[in-house]
């Protein structure tokens, strides 16, 4: 699935960069991408993927910190804490809620 999405994004970028149709085709593609990103199903999938990523990162941090102990760099600890704080119903930079 990831490879299909990567291919589609690459094809879209290639089309935009390589098109000779000009601004009109670019605007059509941009509007289509905007409609896709506004789709509730797409937003739900993106939000659930974000939540899953945060959960996995938290578990990985816990597993590593148990094995590494006090040698865990403070920068890593701060980053994990900031990710946990962002997932508490706040809006992200895309304007979607992480609930």
N, C-alpha and C. Protein backbone atom coordinates (compact mmCIF):
# COMPACT_ATOMS: atom_id res chain seq x y z
N UNK A 1 0.83 -1.19 0.00
CA UNK A 1 0.00 0.00 0.00
C UNK A 1 0.87 1.25 0.00
N UNK A 2 1.93 1.24 0.80
CA UNK A 2 2.80 2.40 0.88
C UNK A 2 3.44 2.70 -0.47
N UNK A 3 3.79 1.65 -1.20
CA UNK A 3 4.44 1.84 -2.49
C UNK A 3 3.46 2.41 -3.52
N UNK A 4 2.19 2.02 -3.41
CA UNK A 4 1.18 2.56 -4.32
C UNK A 4 0.99 4.05 -4.08
N UNK A 5 0.94 4.43 -2.81
CA UNK A 5 0.76 5.84 -2.47
C UNK A 5 1.98 6.63 -2.91
N UNK A 6 3.16 6.08 -2.66
CA UNK A 6 4.40 6.76 -3.09
C UNK A 6 4.42 6.93 -4.60
N UNK A 7 4.01 5.91 -5.32
CA UNK A 7 3.98 6.00 -6.78
C UNK A 7 2.99 7.08 -7.23
N UNK A 8 1.79 7.10 -6.62
CA UNK A 8 0.79 8.09 -7.00
C UNK A 8 1.28 9.51 -6.74
N UNK A 9 1.91 9.72 -5.59
CA UNK A 9 2.45 11.05 -5.27
C UNK A 9 3.55 11.41 -6.26
N UNK A 10 4.42 10.47 -6.55
CA UNK A 10 5.49 10.72 -7.50
C UNK A 10 4.97 11.03 -8.89
N UNK A 11 3.94 10.29 -9.29
CA UNK A 11 3.33 10.54 -10.60
C UNK A 11 2.70 11.93 -10.65
N UNK A 12 2.03 12.32 -9.57
CA UNK A 12 1.41 13.64 -9.53
C UNK A 12 2.46 14.75 -9.58
N UNK A 13 3.53 14.58 -8.82
CA UNK A 13 4.60 15.59 -8.82
C UNK A 13 5.26 15.65 -10.19
N UNK A 14 5.51 14.50 -10.78
CA UNK A 14 6.09 14.46 -12.11
C UNK A 14 5.21 15.12 -13.14
N UNK A 15 3.91 14.90 -13.00
CA UNK A 15 2.97 15.52 -13.93
C UNK A 15 3.01 17.03 -13.79
N UNK A 16 2.97 17.51 -12.55
CA UNK A 16 2.97 18.95 -12.32
C UNK A 16 4.26 19.57 -12.86
N UNK A 17 5.38 18.93 -12.58
CA UNK A 17 6.66 19.50 -13.01
C UNK A 17 6.87 19.36 -14.52
N UNK A 18 6.33 18.32 -15.12
CA UNK A 18 6.59 18.07 -16.53
C UNK A 18 5.51 18.51 -17.48
N UNK A 19 4.42 18.99 -16.97
CA UNK A 19 3.31 19.35 -17.86
C UNK A 19 3.63 20.60 -18.68
N UNK A 20 3.12 20.60 -19.88
CA UNK A 20 3.25 21.78 -20.73
C UNK A 20 1.92 22.50 -20.86
N UNK A 21 0.91 21.98 -20.16
CA UNK A 21 -0.42 22.56 -20.25
C UNK A 21 -0.53 23.88 -19.49
N UNK A 22 0.40 24.09 -18.56
CA UNK A 22 0.44 25.38 -17.88
C UNK A 22 -0.32 25.44 -16.58
N UNK A 23 -0.64 26.63 -16.20
CA UNK A 23 -1.23 26.92 -14.91
C UNK A 23 -2.60 26.28 -14.72
N UNK A 24 -3.38 26.19 -15.78
CA UNK A 24 -4.73 25.64 -15.67
C UNK A 24 -4.71 24.19 -15.18
N UNK A 25 -3.85 23.37 -15.75
CA UNK A 25 -3.75 21.98 -15.33
C UNK A 25 -3.21 21.88 -13.91
N UNK A 26 -2.29 22.75 -13.57
CA UNK A 26 -1.76 22.78 -12.22
C UNK A 26 -2.87 23.10 -11.21
N UNK A 27 -3.69 24.08 -11.53
CA UNK A 27 -4.79 24.45 -10.63
C UNK A 27 -5.81 23.33 -10.50
N UNK A 28 -6.08 22.62 -11.59
CA UNK A 28 -7.00 21.47 -11.52
C UNK A 28 -6.45 20.39 -10.60
N UNK A 29 -5.16 20.09 -10.76
CA UNK A 29 -4.52 19.08 -9.94
C UNK A 29 -4.51 19.51 -8.47
N UNK A 30 -4.24 20.77 -8.24
CA UNK A 30 -4.20 21.29 -6.89
C UNK A 30 -5.59 21.22 -6.24
N UNK A 31 -6.63 21.58 -6.98
CA UNK A 31 -7.99 21.49 -6.46
C UNK A 31 -8.37 20.05 -6.16
N UNK A 32 -7.95 19.15 -7.02
CA UNK A 32 -8.22 17.72 -6.80
C UNK A 32 -7.53 17.23 -5.53
N UNK A 33 -6.30 17.62 -5.32
CA UNK A 33 -5.57 17.23 -4.11
C UNK A 33 -6.23 17.83 -2.87
N UNK A 34 -6.71 19.04 -2.98
CA UNK A 34 -7.38 19.69 -1.85
C UNK A 34 -8.68 18.96 -1.51
N UNK A 35 -9.44 18.56 -2.54
CA UNK A 35 -10.67 17.80 -2.30
C UNK A 35 -10.35 16.46 -1.64
N UNK A 36 -9.30 15.81 -2.11
CA UNK A 36 -8.91 14.52 -1.54
C UNK A 36 -8.52 14.69 -0.07
N UNK A 37 -7.76 15.71 0.24
CA UNK A 37 -7.33 15.90 1.62
C UNK A 37 -8.48 16.32 2.53
N UNK A 38 -9.54 16.88 1.96
CA UNK A 38 -10.70 17.27 2.76
C UNK A 38 -11.68 16.13 2.95
N UNK A 39 -11.47 15.02 2.26
CA UNK A 39 -12.34 13.87 2.37
C UNK A 39 -12.28 13.31 3.79
N UNK A 40 -13.44 13.13 4.44
CA UNK A 40 -13.43 12.63 5.82
C UNK A 40 -12.77 11.26 5.96
N UNK A 41 -12.93 10.40 4.98
CA UNK A 41 -12.30 9.07 5.07
C UNK A 41 -10.78 9.19 5.05
N UNK A 42 -10.26 10.06 4.21
CA UNK A 42 -8.81 10.26 4.14
C UNK A 42 -8.31 10.86 5.44
N UNK A 43 -9.05 11.82 5.97
CA UNK A 43 -8.64 12.44 7.24
C UNK A 43 -8.64 11.42 8.37
N UNK A 44 -9.66 10.55 8.40
CA UNK A 44 -9.71 9.53 9.46
C UNK A 44 -8.53 8.58 9.37
N UNK A 45 -8.20 8.16 8.16
CA UNK A 45 -7.06 7.26 7.99
C UNK A 45 -5.77 7.96 8.42
N UNK A 46 -5.61 9.21 8.04
CA UNK A 46 -4.40 9.95 8.42
C UNK A 46 -4.32 10.12 9.94
N UNK A 47 -5.44 10.43 10.57
CA UNK A 47 -5.43 10.59 12.02
C UNK A 47 -5.16 9.29 12.74
N UNK A 48 -5.77 8.19 12.26
CA UNK A 48 -5.52 6.91 12.92
C UNK A 48 -4.07 6.47 12.70
N UNK A 49 -3.50 6.75 11.54
CA UNK A 49 -2.09 6.43 11.31
C UNK A 49 -1.20 7.26 12.23
N UNK A 50 -1.57 8.51 12.45
CA UNK A 50 -0.80 9.37 13.36
C UNK A 50 -0.86 8.83 14.78
N UNK A 51 -2.05 8.45 15.22
CA UNK A 51 -2.21 7.91 16.57
C UNK A 51 -1.43 6.61 16.73
N UNK A 52 -1.51 5.74 15.73
CA UNK A 52 -0.77 4.48 15.79
C UNK A 52 0.72 4.74 15.86
N UNK A 53 1.20 5.69 15.06
CA UNK A 53 2.61 6.05 15.10
C UNK A 53 3.04 6.55 16.45
N UNK A 54 2.21 7.36 17.07
CA UNK A 54 2.54 7.87 18.41
C UNK A 54 2.57 6.75 19.43
N UNK A 55 1.62 5.81 19.33
CA UNK A 55 1.60 4.68 20.26
C UNK A 55 2.84 3.81 20.09
N UNK A 56 3.19 3.53 18.85
CA UNK A 56 4.37 2.71 18.58
C UNK A 56 5.63 3.42 19.07
N UNK A 57 5.71 4.73 18.84
CA UNK A 57 6.87 5.49 19.31
C UNK A 57 6.96 5.45 20.84
N UNK A 58 5.83 5.55 21.50
CA UNK A 58 5.82 5.49 22.96
C UNK A 58 6.27 4.14 23.49
N UNK A 59 5.78 3.06 22.85
CA UNK A 59 6.19 1.72 23.26
C UNK A 59 7.68 1.51 22.99
N UNK A 60 8.13 1.97 21.83
CA UNK A 60 9.56 1.83 21.50
C UNK A 60 10.41 2.61 22.49
N UNK A 61 9.97 3.81 22.83
CA UNK A 61 10.71 4.61 23.80
C UNK A 61 10.79 3.90 25.14
N UNK A 62 9.65 3.33 25.56
CA UNK A 62 9.63 2.62 26.84
C UNK A 62 10.58 1.42 26.80
N UNK A 63 10.53 0.65 25.73
CA UNK A 63 11.39 -0.52 25.61
C UNK A 63 12.86 -0.13 25.62
N UNK A 64 13.19 0.89 24.88
CA UNK A 64 14.59 1.34 24.83
C UNK A 64 15.02 1.91 26.17
N UNK A 65 14.15 2.70 26.81
CA UNK A 65 14.54 3.32 28.08
C UNK A 65 14.71 2.27 29.18
N UNK A 66 13.95 1.16 29.11
CA UNK A 66 14.14 0.09 30.09
C UNK A 66 15.52 -0.54 29.90
N UNK A 67 15.91 -0.73 28.65
CA UNK A 67 17.20 -1.37 28.37
C UNK A 67 18.37 -0.41 28.55
N UNK A 68 18.18 0.85 28.21
CA UNK A 68 19.27 1.81 28.26
C UNK A 68 19.35 2.49 29.62
N UNK A 69 18.21 2.66 30.27
CA UNK A 69 18.18 3.27 31.59
C UNK A 69 18.40 4.76 31.54
N UNK A 70 19.23 5.26 32.42
CA UNK A 70 19.48 6.69 32.53
C UNK A 70 20.34 7.25 31.40
N UNK A 71 20.82 6.40 30.54
CA UNK A 71 21.67 6.86 29.44
C UNK A 71 20.86 7.39 28.26
N UNK A 72 19.52 7.42 28.38
CA UNK A 72 18.67 7.93 27.30
C UNK A 72 18.93 9.43 27.14
N UNK A 73 19.28 9.89 25.94
CA UNK A 73 19.54 11.32 25.74
C UNK A 73 18.30 12.16 26.05
N UNK A 74 18.51 13.29 26.67
CA UNK A 74 17.40 14.17 27.04
C UNK A 74 16.63 14.65 25.83
N UNK A 75 17.31 14.84 24.70
CA UNK A 75 16.62 15.30 23.49
C UNK A 75 15.57 14.28 23.04
N UNK A 76 15.88 13.01 23.18
CA UNK A 76 14.91 11.97 22.80
C UNK A 76 13.74 12.00 23.77
N UNK A 77 14.02 12.11 25.04
CA UNK A 77 12.95 12.16 26.05
C UNK A 77 12.03 13.34 25.81
N UNK A 78 12.59 14.50 25.52
CA UNK A 78 11.77 15.69 25.27
C UNK A 78 10.91 15.52 24.03
N UNK A 79 11.46 14.94 22.98
CA UNK A 79 10.70 14.75 21.74
C UNK A 79 9.52 13.81 21.97
N UNK A 80 9.72 12.74 22.69
CA UNK A 80 8.63 11.80 22.95
C UNK A 80 7.57 12.48 23.81
N UNK A 81 7.99 13.25 24.81
CA UNK A 81 7.00 13.96 25.64
C UNK A 81 6.20 14.96 24.81
N UNK A 82 6.85 15.64 23.88
CA UNK A 82 6.13 16.61 23.06
C UNK A 82 5.15 15.91 22.13
N UNK A 83 5.50 14.74 21.62
CA UNK A 83 4.57 13.99 20.77
C UNK A 83 3.37 13.51 21.56
N UNK A 84 3.60 13.09 22.78
CA UNK A 84 2.49 12.65 23.63
C UNK A 84 1.55 13.82 23.91
N UNK A 85 2.11 14.99 24.17
CA UNK A 85 1.29 16.17 24.47
C UNK A 85 0.47 16.62 23.29
N UNK A 86 1.01 16.46 22.07
CA UNK A 86 0.27 16.88 20.88
C UNK A 86 -0.93 16.00 20.62
N UNK A 87 -0.92 14.78 21.09
CA UNK A 87 -2.00 13.85 20.80
C UNK A 87 -3.19 13.97 21.72
N UNK A 88 -3.25 14.98 22.55
CA UNK A 88 -4.32 15.11 23.53
C UNK A 88 -5.42 16.06 23.06
N UNK A 89 -5.96 15.82 21.84
CA UNK A 89 -7.09 16.60 21.37
C UNK A 89 -6.72 17.94 20.78
N UNK A 90 -5.46 18.23 20.66
CA UNK A 90 -5.03 19.50 20.09
C UNK A 90 -5.08 19.43 18.57
N UNK A 91 -5.13 20.58 17.94
CA UNK A 91 -5.08 20.60 16.49
C UNK A 91 -3.64 20.60 16.04
N UNK A 92 -3.38 19.85 14.96
CA UNK A 92 -2.04 19.85 14.43
C UNK A 92 -1.91 20.94 13.37
N UNK A 93 -0.74 21.02 12.72
CA UNK A 93 -0.50 22.08 11.76
C UNK A 93 -1.36 21.96 10.50
N UNK A 94 -2.04 20.83 10.33
CA UNK A 94 -2.93 20.65 9.18
C UNK A 94 -4.35 21.08 9.49
N UNK A 95 -4.62 21.42 10.73
CA UNK A 95 -5.96 21.85 11.10
C UNK A 95 -6.88 20.70 11.45
N UNK A 96 -6.32 19.51 11.63
CA UNK A 96 -7.14 18.36 12.00
C UNK A 96 -6.97 18.11 13.47
N UNK A 97 -8.01 17.61 14.09
CA UNK A 97 -7.91 17.31 15.51
C UNK A 97 -7.37 15.90 15.67
N UNK A 98 -6.61 15.70 16.70
CA UNK A 98 -6.03 14.39 16.99
C UNK A 98 -6.80 13.74 18.11
N UNK A 99 -8.07 13.52 17.89
CA UNK A 99 -8.88 12.91 18.93
C UNK A 99 -9.15 11.48 18.64
